[in-house]
Amino acid sequence: MKKRHALLLYVSLFMSLPAFASSDESWQTLVADLNRACLSEAGMTEVQTSKPVLFPDETGKVALLLKGRMAKVKQKVSLMCLYDKAKKKAYVSEYQW
């Protein structure tokens, strides 16, 4: 009987905890902000983007890989964009394999 009461207590405590998962709307907003900032900073044309590369929350960063042509030189490049969620700022650098 005591075990049953303890189990009910644990279950009720667990069920009363708030959910900390992000909503679909907040993810859509993050992805839109990420794409906007990265594409603006990259200055590319004919661009293809990867799915967001997620890092642990404590880093505050999300990355995006970009492939396309540079607007001024028409050269094909591969870029990585690191987006700071707190500052809402994108940092872009070229990468090669």
PDB file of N, CA and C in Angstrom:
ATOM      1  N   MET A   1       0.818  -1.193   0.000  1.00  0.00           N
ATOM      2  CA  MET A   1       0.000   0.000   0.000  1.00  0.00           C
ATOM      3  C   MET A   1       0.863   1.259   0.000  1.00  0.00           C
ATOM      4  N   LYS A   2       1.942   1.240   0.824  1.00  0.00           N
ATOM      5  CA  LYS A   2       2.834   2.398   0.879  1.00  0.00           C
ATOM      6  C   LYS A   2       3.526   2.608  -0.469  1.00  0.00           C
ATOM      7  N   LYS A   3       3.877   1.490  -1.113  1.00  0.00           N
ATOM      8  CA  LYS A   3       4.524   1.596  -2.420  1.00  0.00           C
ATOM      9  C   LYS A   3       3.581   2.243  -3.432  1.00  0.00           C
ATOM     10  N   ARG A   4       2.329   1.881  -3.326  1.00  0.00           N
ATOM     11  CA  ARG A   4       1.341   2.432  -4.253  1.00  0.00           C
ATOM     12  C   ARG A   4       1.189   3.936  -4.049  1.00  0.00           C
ATOM     13  N   HIS A   5       1.155   4.373  -2.797  1.00  0.00           N
ATOM     14  CA  HIS A   5       1.051   5.807  -2.507  1.00  0.00           C
ATOM     15  C   HIS A   5       2.299   6.552  -2.982  1.00  0.00           C
ATOM     16  N   ALA A   6       3.452   5.937  -2.783  1.00  0.00           N
ATOM     17  CA  ALA A   6       4.704   6.554  -3.227  1.00  0.00           C
ATOM     18  C   ALA A   6       4.723   6.675  -4.749  1.00  0.00           C
ATOM     19  N   LEU A   7       4.276   5.623  -5.420  1.00  0.00           N
ATOM     20  CA  LEU A   7       4.225   5.647  -6.880  1.00  0.00           C
ATOM     21  C   LEU A   7       3.280   6.737  -7.375  1.00  0.00           C
ATOM     22  N   LEU A   8       2.119   6.843  -6.764  1.00  0.00           N
ATOM     23  CA  LEU A   8       1.173   7.888  -7.147  1.00  0.00           C
ATOM     24  C   LEU A   8       1.752   9.277  -6.908  1.00  0.00           C
ATOM     25  N   LEU A   9       2.493   9.433  -5.822  1.00  0.00           N
ATOM     26  CA  LEU A   9       3.128  10.714  -5.526  1.00  0.00           C
ATOM     27  C   LEU A   9       4.158  11.065  -6.600  1.00  0.00           C
ATOM     28  N   TYR A  10       5.009  10.095  -6.960  1.00  0.00           N
ATOM     29  CA  TYR A  10       6.022  10.338  -7.984  1.00  0.00           C
ATOM     30  C   TYR A  10       5.391  10.662  -9.334  1.00  0.00           C
ATOM     31  N   VAL A  11       4.372   9.922  -9.694  1.00  0.00           N
ATOM     32  CA  VAL A  11       3.696  10.157 -10.971  1.00  0.00           C
ATOM     33  C   VAL A  11       3.061  11.540 -10.993  1.00  0.00           C
ATOM     34  N   SER A  12       2.404  11.923  -9.908  1.00  0.00           N
ATOM     35  CA  SER A  12       1.765  13.242  -9.883  1.00  0.00           C
ATOM     36  C   SER A  12       2.796  14.364  -9.910  1.00  0.00           C
ATOM     37  N   LEU A  13       3.939  14.170  -9.242  1.00  0.00           N
ATOM     38  CA  LEU A  13       4.998  15.183  -9.299  1.00  0.00           C
ATOM     39  C   LEU A  13       5.575  15.285 -10.704  1.00  0.00           C
ATOM     40  N   PHE A  14       5.804  14.149 -11.339  1.00  0.00           N
ATOM     41  CA  PHE A  14       6.353  14.135 -12.686  1.00  0.00           C
ATOM     42  C   PHE A  14       5.404  14.802 -13.675  1.00  0.00           C
ATOM     43  N   MET A  15       4.133  14.524 -13.548  1.00  0.00           N
ATOM     44  CA  MET A  15       3.147  15.084 -14.469  1.00  0.00           C
ATOM     45  C   MET A  15       2.956  16.581 -14.268  1.00  0.00           C
ATOM     46  N   SER A  16       3.311  17.095 -13.103  1.00  0.00           N
ATOM     47  CA  SER A  16       3.119  18.518 -12.841  1.00  0.00           C
ATOM     48  C   SER A  16       4.305  19.362 -13.284  1.00  0.00           C
ATOM     49  N   LEU A  17       5.399  18.722 -13.723  1.00  0.00           N
ATOM     50  CA  LEU A  17       6.557  19.479 -14.187  1.00  0.00           C
ATOM     51  C   LEU A  17       6.232  20.167 -15.506  1.00  0.00           C
ATOM     52  N   PRO A  18       6.732  21.390 -15.696  1.00  0.00           N
ATOM     53  CA  PRO A  18       6.471  22.080 -16.960  1.00  0.00           C
ATOM     54  C   PRO A  18       7.264  21.452 -18.102  1.00  0.00           C
ATOM     55  N   ALA A  19       6.750  21.569 -19.281  1.00  0.00           N
ATOM     56  CA  ALA A  19       7.445  21.082 -20.473  1.00  0.00           C
ATOM     57  C   ALA A  19       8.360  22.183 -20.989  1.00  0.00           C
ATOM     58  N   PHE A  20       9.596  21.817 -21.275  1.00  0.00           N
ATOM     59  CA  PHE A  20      10.564  22.805 -21.721  1.00  0.00           C
ATOM     60  C   PHE A  20      10.897  22.681 -23.204  1.00  0.00           C
ATOM     61  N   ALA A  21      10.233  21.841 -23.922  1.00  0.00           N
ATOM     62  CA  ALA A  21      10.500  21.678 -25.347  1.00  0.00           C
ATOM     63  C   ALA A  21      10.022  22.908 -26.111  1.00  0.00           C
ATOM     64  N   SER A  22      10.750  23.237 -27.155  1.00  0.00           N
ATOM     65  CA  SER A  22      10.376  24.383 -27.982  1.00  0.00           C
ATOM     66  C   SER A  22       9.169  24.039 -28.843  1.00  0.00           C
ATOM     67  N   SER A  23       8.347  25.027 -29.091  1.00  0.00           N
ATOM     68  CA  SER A  23       7.168  24.819 -29.928  1.00  0.00           C
ATOM     69  C   SER A  23       7.565  24.811 -31.400  1.00  0.00           C
ATOM     70  N   ASP A  24       6.676  24.285 -32.233  1.00  0.00           N
ATOM     71  CA  ASP A  24       6.914  24.290 -33.680  1.00  0.00           C
ATOM     72  C   ASP A  24       7.089  25.714 -34.188  1.00  0.00           C
ATOM     73  N   GLU A  25       6.307  26.625 -33.647  1.00  0.00           N
ATOM     74  CA  GLU A  25       6.384  28.025 -34.074  1.00  0.00           C
ATOM     75  C   GLU A  25       7.749  28.628 -33.757  1.00  0.00           C
ATOM     76  N   SER A  26       8.306  28.323 -32.599  1.00  0.00           N
ATOM     77  CA  SER A  26       9.617  28.880 -32.249  1.00  0.00           C
ATOM     78  C   SER A  26      10.715  28.290 -33.129  1.00  0.00           C
ATOM     79  N   TRP A  27      10.597  26.996 -33.503  1.00  0.00           N
ATOM     80  CA  TRP A  27      11.568  26.396 -34.421  1.00  0.00           C
ATOM     81  C   TRP A  27      11.467  27.040 -35.802  1.00  0.00           C
ATOM     82  N   GLN A  28      10.252  27.263 -36.279  1.00  0.00           N
ATOM     83  CA  GLN A  28      10.069  27.898 -37.588  1.00  0.00           C
ATOM     84  C   GLN A  28      10.650  29.304 -37.595  1.00  0.00           C
ATOM     85  N   THR A  29      10.464  30.031 -36.510  1.00  0.00           N
ATOM     86  CA  THR A  29      11.019  31.380 -36.397  1.00  0.00           C
ATOM     87  C   THR A  29      12.540  31.331 -36.404  1.00  0.00           C
ATOM     88  N   LEU A  30      13.116  30.389 -35.649  1.00  0.00           N
ATOM     89  CA  LEU A  30      14.578  30.252 -35.609  1.00  0.00           C
ATOM     90  C   LEU A  30      15.135  29.937 -36.994  1.00  0.00           C
ATOM     91  N   VAL A  31      14.524  28.985 -37.694  1.00  0.00           N
ATOM     92  CA  VAL A  31      15.005  28.600 -39.028  1.00  0.00           C
ATOM     93  C   VAL A  31      14.867  29.763 -40.010  1.00  0.00           C
ATOM     94  N   ALA A  32      13.783  30.513 -39.932  1.00  0.00           N
ATOM     95  CA  ALA A  32      13.603  31.678 -40.811  1.00  0.00           C
ATOM     96  C   ALA A  32      14.661  32.735 -40.519  1.00  0.00           C
ATOM     97  N   ASP A  33      14.914  33.024 -39.237  1.00  0.00           N
ATOM     98  CA  ASP A  33      15.950  33.991 -38.856  1.00  0.00           C
ATOM     99  C   ASP A  33      17.325  33.517 -39.306  1.00  0.00           C
ATOM    100  N   LEU A  34      17.600  32.228 -39.120  1.00  0.00           N
ATOM    101  CA  LEU A  34      18.874  31.629 -39.524  1.00  0.00           C
ATOM    102  C   LEU A  34      19.089  31.784 -41.026  1.00  0.00           C
ATOM    103  N   ASN A  35      18.111  31.393 -41.820  1.00  0.00           N
ATOM    104  CA  ASN A  35      18.228  31.491 -43.281  1.00  0.00           C
ATOM    105  C   ASN A  35      18.397  32.935 -43.735  1.00  0.00           C
ATOM    106  N   ARG A  36      17.601  33.821 -43.183  1.00  0.00           N
ATOM    107  CA  ARG A  36      17.669  35.236 -43.564  1.00  0.00           C
ATOM    108  C   ARG A  36      19.058  35.812 -43.263  1.00  0.00           C
ATOM    109  N   ALA A  37      19.551  35.591 -42.059  1.00  0.00           N
ATOM    110  CA  ALA A  37      20.843  36.146 -41.651  1.00  0.00           C
ATOM    111  C   ALA A  37      21.993  35.539 -42.449  1.00  0.00           C
ATOM    112  N   CYS A  38      21.968  34.230 -42.635  1.00  0.00           N
ATOM    113  CA  CYS A  38      23.061  33.559 -43.347  1.00  0.00           C
ATOM    114  C   CYS A  38      23.097  33.936 -44.824  1.00  0.00           C
ATOM    115  N   LEU A  39      21.944  33.956 -45.478  1.00  0.00           N
ATOM    116  CA  LEU A  39      21.914  34.311 -46.900  1.00  0.00           C
ATOM    117  C   LEU A  39      22.314  35.764 -47.112  1.00  0.00           C
ATOM    118  N   SER A  40      21.917  36.625 -46.218  1.00  0.00           N
ATOM    119  CA  SER A  40      22.289  38.032 -46.307  1.00  0.00           C
ATOM    120  C   SER A  40      23.794  38.209 -46.132  1.00  0.00           C
ATOM    121  N   GLU A  41      24.349  37.535 -45.151  1.00  0.00           N
ATOM    122  CA  GLU A  41      25.784  37.652 -44.858  1.00  0.00           C
ATOM    123  C   GLU A  41      26.635  37.014 -45.954  1.00  0.00           C
ATOM    124  N   ALA A  42      26.152  35.931 -46.555  1.00  0.00           N
ATOM    125  CA  ALA A  42      26.929  35.206 -47.564  1.00  0.00           C
ATOM    126  C   ALA A  42      27.002  35.951 -48.888  1.00  0.00           C
ATOM    127  N   GLY A  43      25.945  36.635 -49.283  1.00  0.00           N
ATOM    128  CA  GLY A  43      25.935  37.359 -50.545  1.00  0.00           C
ATOM    129  C   GLY A  43      26.082  36.452 -51.752  1.00  0.00           C
ATOM    130  N   MET A  44      25.417  35.321 -51.736  1.00  0.00           N
ATOM    131  CA  MET A  44      25.533  34.347 -52.816  1.00  0.00           C
ATOM    132  C   MET A  44      24.310  34.390 -53.725  1.00  0.00           C
ATOM    133  N   THR A  45      24.491  33.836 -54.935  1.00  0.00           N
ATOM    134  CA  THR A  45      23.371  33.619 -55.843  1.00  0.00           C
ATOM    135  C   THR A  45      23.281  32.117 -56.101  1.00  0.00           C
ATOM    136  N   GLU A  46      22.153  31.671 -56.611  1.00  0.00           N
ATOM    137  CA  GLU A  46      21.951  30.243 -56.901  1.00  0.00           C
ATOM    138  C   GLU A  46      22.388  29.392 -55.712  1.00  0.00           C
ATOM    139  N   VAL A  47      21.898  29.704 -54.553  1.00  0.00           N
ATOM    140  CA  VAL A  47      22.373  29.064 -53.328  1.00  0.00           C
ATOM    141  C   VAL A  47      21.517  27.863 -52.926  1.00  0.00           C
ATOM    142  N   GLN A  48      22.174  26.831 -52.432  1.00  0.00           N
ATOM    143  CA  GLN A  48      21.524  25.673 -51.829  1.00  0.00           C
ATOM    144  C   GLN A  48      21.917  25.670 -50.355  1.00  0.00           C
ATOM    145  N   THR A  49      20.972  25.346 -49.488  1.00  0.00           N
ATOM    146  CA  THR A  49      21.275  25.309 -48.057  1.00  0.00           C
ATOM    147  C   THR A  49      20.993  23.924 -47.487  1.00  0.00           C
ATOM    148  N   SER A  50      21.751  23.586 -46.463  1.00  0.00           N
ATOM    149  CA  SER A  50      21.529  22.328 -45.752  1.00  0.00           C
ATOM    150  C   SER A  50      20.405  22.508 -44.742  1.00  0.00           C
ATOM    151  N   LYS A  51      20.045  21.437 -44.095  1.00  0.00           N
ATOM    152  CA  LYS A  51      19.178  21.543 -42.927  1.00  0.00           C
ATOM    153  C   LYS A  51      20.026  22.171 -41.821  1.00  0.00           C
ATOM    154  N   PRO A  52      19.409  22.825 -40.850  1.00  0.00           N
ATOM    155  CA  PRO A  52      20.188  23.411 -39.756  1.00  0.00           C
ATOM    156  C   PRO A  52      20.999  22.340 -39.017  1.00  0.00           C
ATOM    157  N   VAL A  53      22.230  22.702 -38.694  1.00  0.00           N
ATOM    158  CA  VAL A  53      23.101  21.843 -37.898  1.00  0.00           C
ATOM    159  C   VAL A  53      22.978  22.329 -36.463  1.00  0.00           C
ATOM    160  N   LEU A  54      22.382  21.503 -35.610  1.00  0.00           N
ATOM    161  CA  LEU A  54      22.077  21.921 -34.246  1.00  0.00           C
ATOM    162  C   LEU A  54      23.207  21.545 -33.296  1.00  0.00           C
ATOM    163  N   PHE A  55      23.548  22.475 -32.427  1.00  0.00           N
ATOM    164  CA  PHE A  55      24.527  22.259 -31.375  1.00  0.00           C
ATOM    165  C   PHE A  55      23.791  22.254 -30.042  1.00  0.00           C
ATOM    166  N   PRO A  56      24.428  21.780 -28.972  1.00  0.00           N
ATOM    167  CA  PRO A  56      23.764  21.821 -27.662  1.00  0.00           C
ATOM    168  C   PRO A  56      23.302  23.236 -27.317  1.00  0.00           C
ATOM    169  N   ASP A  57      22.187  23.324 -26.605  1.00  0.00           N
ATOM    170  CA  ASP A  57      21.587  24.621 -26.276  1.00  0.00           C
ATOM    171  C   ASP A  57      22.556  25.571 -25.600  1.00  0.00           C
ATOM    172  N   GLU A  58      23.446  25.037 -24.741  1.00  0.00           N
ATOM    173  CA  GLU A  58      24.342  25.929 -24.000  1.00  0.00           C
ATOM    174  C   GLU A  58      25.330  26.677 -24.895  1.00  0.00           C
ATOM    175  N   THR A  59      25.541  26.217 -26.138  1.00  0.00           N
ATOM    176  CA  THR A  59      26.429  26.950 -27.047  1.00  0.00           C
ATOM    177  C   THR A  59      25.747  28.185 -27.619  1.00  0.00           C
ATOM    178  N   GLY A  60      24.428  28.111 -27.771  1.00  0.00           N
ATOM    179  CA  GLY A  60      23.694  29.235 -28.343  1.00  0.00           C
ATOM    180  C   GLY A  60      23.914  29.409 -29.837  1.00  0.00           C
ATOM    181  N   LYS A  61      24.372  28.353 -30.508  1.00  0.00           N
ATOM    182  CA  LYS A  61      24.713  28.447 -31.928  1.00  0.00           C
ATOM    183  C   LYS A  61      23.968  27.403 -32.756  1.00  0.00           C
ATOM    184  N   VAL A  62      23.739  27.750 -34.019  1.00  0.00           N
ATOM    185  CA  VAL A  62      23.187  26.854 -35.032  1.00  0.00           C
ATOM    186  C   VAL A  62      23.991  27.119 -36.296  1.00  0.00           C
ATOM    187  N   ALA A  63      24.272  26.078 -37.071  1.00  0.00           N
ATOM    188  CA  ALA A  63      25.049  26.253 -38.299  1.00  0.00           C
ATOM    189  C   ALA A  63      24.204  25.901 -39.518  1.00  0.00           C
ATOM    190  N   LEU A  64      24.650  26.405 -40.655  1.00  0.00           N
ATOM    191  CA  LEU A  64      24.002  26.132 -41.928  1.00  0.00           C
ATOM    192  C   LEU A  64      25.107  26.028 -42.972  1.00  0.00           C
ATOM    193  N   LEU A  65      25.046  25.001 -43.809  1.00  0.00           N
ATOM    194  CA  LEU A  65      26.007  24.862 -44.901  1.00  0.00           C
ATOM    195  C   LEU A  65      25.374  25.420 -46.166  1.00  0.00           C
ATOM    196  N   LEU A  66      26.164  26.173 -46.920  1.00  0.00           N
ATOM    197  CA  LEU A  66      25.674  26.831 -48.131  1.00  0.00           C
ATOM    198  C   LEU A  66      26.557  26.453 -49.316  1.00  0.00           C
ATOM    199  N   LYS A  67      25.933  26.177 -50.460  1.00  0.00           N
ATOM    200  CA  LYS A  67      26.656  25.943 -51.711  1.00  0.00           C
ATOM    201  C   LYS A  67      26.044  26.836 -52.760  1.00  0.00           C
ATOM    202  N   GLY A  68      26.900  27.472 -53.538  1.00  0.00           N
ATOM    203  CA  GLY A  68      26.375  28.315 -54.600  1.00  0.00           C
ATOM    204  C   GLY A  68      27.465  29.135 -55.246  1.00  0.00           C
ATOM    205  N   ARG A  69      27.051  30.211 -55.884  1.00  0.00           N
ATOM    206  CA  ARG A  69      27.992  31.102 -56.569  1.00  0.00           C
ATOM    207  C   ARG A  69      28.033  32.436 -55.845  1.00  0.00           C
ATOM    208  N   MET A  70      29.219  33.008 -55.805  1.00  0.00           N
ATOM    209  CA  MET A  70      29.377  34.339 -55.234  1.00  0.00           C
ATOM    210  C   MET A  70      28.825  35.345 -56.237  1.00  0.00           C
ATOM    211  N   ALA A  71      28.136  36.329 -55.761  1.00  0.00           N
ATOM    212  CA  ALA A  71      27.459  37.294 -56.628  1.00  0.00           C
ATOM    213  C   ALA A  71      28.432  38.066 -57.506  1.00  0.00           C
ATOM    214  N   LYS A  72      29.581  38.435 -56.970  1.00  0.00           N
ATOM    215  CA  LYS A  72      30.500  39.304 -57.715  1.00  0.00           C
ATOM    216  C   LYS A  72      31.427  38.547 -58.654  1.00  0.00           C
ATOM    217  N   VAL A  73      31.904  37.376 -58.269  1.00  0.00           N
ATOM    218  CA  VAL A  73      32.902  36.683 -59.080  1.00  0.00           C
ATOM    219  C   VAL A  73      32.372  35.450 -59.805  1.00  0.00           C
ATOM    220  N   LYS A  74      31.117  35.081 -59.568  1.00  0.00           N
ATOM    221  CA  LYS A  74      30.470  33.944 -60.229  1.00  0.00           C
ATOM    222  C   LYS A  74      31.202  32.621 -59.987  1.00  0.00           C
ATOM    223  N   GLN A  75      31.995  32.566 -58.951  1.00  0.00           N
ATOM    224  CA  GLN A  75      32.757  31.370 -58.619  1.00  0.00           C
ATOM    225  C   GLN A  75      31.944  30.493 -57.666  1.00  0.00           C
ATOM    226  N   LYS A  76      31.986  29.163 -57.870  1.00  0.00           N
ATOM    227  CA  LYS A  76      31.283  28.254 -56.968  1.00  0.00           C
ATOM    228  C   LYS A  76      32.056  28.148 -55.661  1.00  0.00           C
ATOM    229  N   VAL A  77      31.320  28.233 -54.551  1.00  0.00           N
ATOM    230  CA  VAL A  77      31.949  28.125 -53.235  1.00  0.00           C
ATOM    231  C   VAL A  77      31.051  27.337 -52.285  1.00  0.00           C
ATOM    232  N   SER A  78      31.671  26.844 -51.235  1.00  0.00           N
ATOM    233  CA  SER A  78      30.957  26.198 -50.130  1.00  0.00           C
ATOM    234  C   SER A  78      31.243  27.013 -48.882  1.00  0.00           C
ATOM    235  N   LEU A  79      30.190  27.433 -48.212  1.00  0.00           N
ATOM    236  CA  LEU A  79      30.336  28.265 -47.024  1.00  0.00           C
ATOM    237  C   LEU A  79      29.662  27.605 -45.832  1.00  0.00           C
ATOM    238  N   MET A  80      30.189  27.902 -44.660  1.00  0.00           N
ATOM    239  CA  MET A  80      29.531  27.519 -43.416  1.00  0.00           C
ATOM    240  C   MET A  80      29.112  28.796 -42.726  1.00  0.00           C
ATOM    241  N   CYS A  81      27.878  28.815 -42.277  1.00  0.00           N
ATOM    242  CA  CYS A  81      27.351  29.965 -41.558  1.00  0.00           C
ATOM    243  C   CYS A  81      27.083  29.537 -40.122  1.00  0.00           C
ATOM    244  N   LEU A  82      27.673  30.243 -39.179  1.00  0.00           N
ATOM    245  CA  LEU A  82      27.436  29.996 -37.760  1.00  0.00           C
ATOM    246  C   LEU A  82      26.566  31.130 -37.248  1.00  0.00           C
ATOM    247  N   TYR A  83      25.407  30.786 -36.721  1.00  0.00           N
ATOM    248  CA  TYR A  83      24.412  31.766 -36.295  1.00  0.00           C
ATOM    249  C   TYR A  83      24.346  31.803 -34.776  1.00  0.00           C
ATOM    250  N   ASP A  84      24.528  32.995 -34.221  1.00  0.00           N
ATOM    251  CA  ASP A  84      24.429  33.210 -32.779  1.00  0.00           C
ATOM    252  C   ASP A  84      22.978  33.546 -32.454  1.00  0.00           C
ATOM    253  N   LYS A  85      22.302  32.653 -31.738  1.00  0.00           N
ATOM    254  CA  LYS A  85      20.872  32.832 -31.461  1.00  0.00           C
ATOM    255  C   LYS A  85      20.604  34.032 -30.560  1.00  0.00           C
ATOM    256  N   ALA A  86      21.490  34.308 -29.622  1.00  0.00           N
ATOM    257  CA  ALA A  86      21.272  35.422 -28.693  1.00  0.00           C
ATOM    258  C   ALA A  86      21.458  36.767 -29.391  1.00  0.00           C
ATOM    259  N   LYS A  87      22.526  36.884 -30.191  1.00  0.00           N
ATOM    260  CA  LYS A  87      22.823  38.148 -30.878  1.00  0.00           C
ATOM    261  C   LYS A  87      22.083  38.275 -32.200  1.00  0.00           C
ATOM    262  N   LYS A  88      21.523  37.138 -32.682  1.00  0.00           N
ATOM    263  CA  LYS A  88      20.858  37.091 -33.994  1.00  0.00           C
ATOM    264  C   LYS A  88      21.802  37.587 -35.087  1.00  0.00           C
ATOM    265  N   LYS A  89      23.046  37.091 -35.024  1.00  0.00           N
ATOM    266  CA  LYS A  89      24.099  37.504 -35.953  1.00  0.00           C
ATOM    267  C   LYS A  89      24.681  36.265 -36.620  1.00  0.00           C
ATOM    268  N   ALA A  90      24.966  36.380 -37.917  1.00  0.00           N
ATOM    269  CA  ALA A  90      25.543  35.283 -38.689  1.00  0.00           C
ATOM    270  C   ALA A  90      27.007  35.576 -39.000  1.00  0.00           C
ATOM    271  N   TYR A  91      27.818  34.521 -38.933  1.00  0.00           N
ATOM    272  CA  TYR A  91      29.236  34.598 -39.275  1.00  0.00           C
ATOM    273  C   TYR A  91      29.486  33.554 -40.352  1.00  0.00           C
ATOM    274  N   VAL A  92      30.073  33.980 -41.476  1.00  0.00           N
ATOM    275  CA  VAL A  92      30.236  33.100 -42.632  1.00  0.00           C
ATOM    276  C   VAL A  92      31.713  32.916 -42.947  1.00  0.00           C
ATOM    277  N   SER A  93      32.072  31.670 -43.270  1.00  0.00           N
ATOM    278  CA  SER A  93      33.442  31.362 -43.663  1.00  0.00           C
ATOM    279  C   SER A  93      33.415  30.259 -44.720  1.00  0.00           C
ATOM    280  N   GLU A  94      34.364  30.318 -45.646  1.00  0.00           N
ATOM    281  CA  GLU A  94      34.455  29.299 -46.684  1.00  0.00           C
ATOM    282  C   GLU A  94      35.070  28.034 -46.103  1.00  0.00           C
ATOM    283  N   TYR A  95      34.598  26.883 -46.566  1.00  0.00           N
ATOM    284  CA  TYR A  95      35.215  25.618 -46.160  1.00  0.00           C
ATOM    285  C   TYR A  95      35.490  24.782 -47.402  1.00  0.00           C
ATOM    286  N   GLN A  96      36.483  23.917 -47.278  1.00  0.00           N
ATOM    287  CA  GLN A  96      36.830  23.003 -48.361  1.00  0.00           C
ATOM    288  C   GLN A  96      37.120  21.641 -47.760  1.00  0.00           C
ATOM    289  N   TRP A  97      36.892  20.600 -48.550  1.00  0.00           N
ATOM    290  CA  TRP A  97      37.201  19.245 -48.097  1.00  0.00           C
ATOM    291  C   TRP A  97      38.622  18.924 -48.403  1.00  0.00           C
TER     292      TRP A  97
END
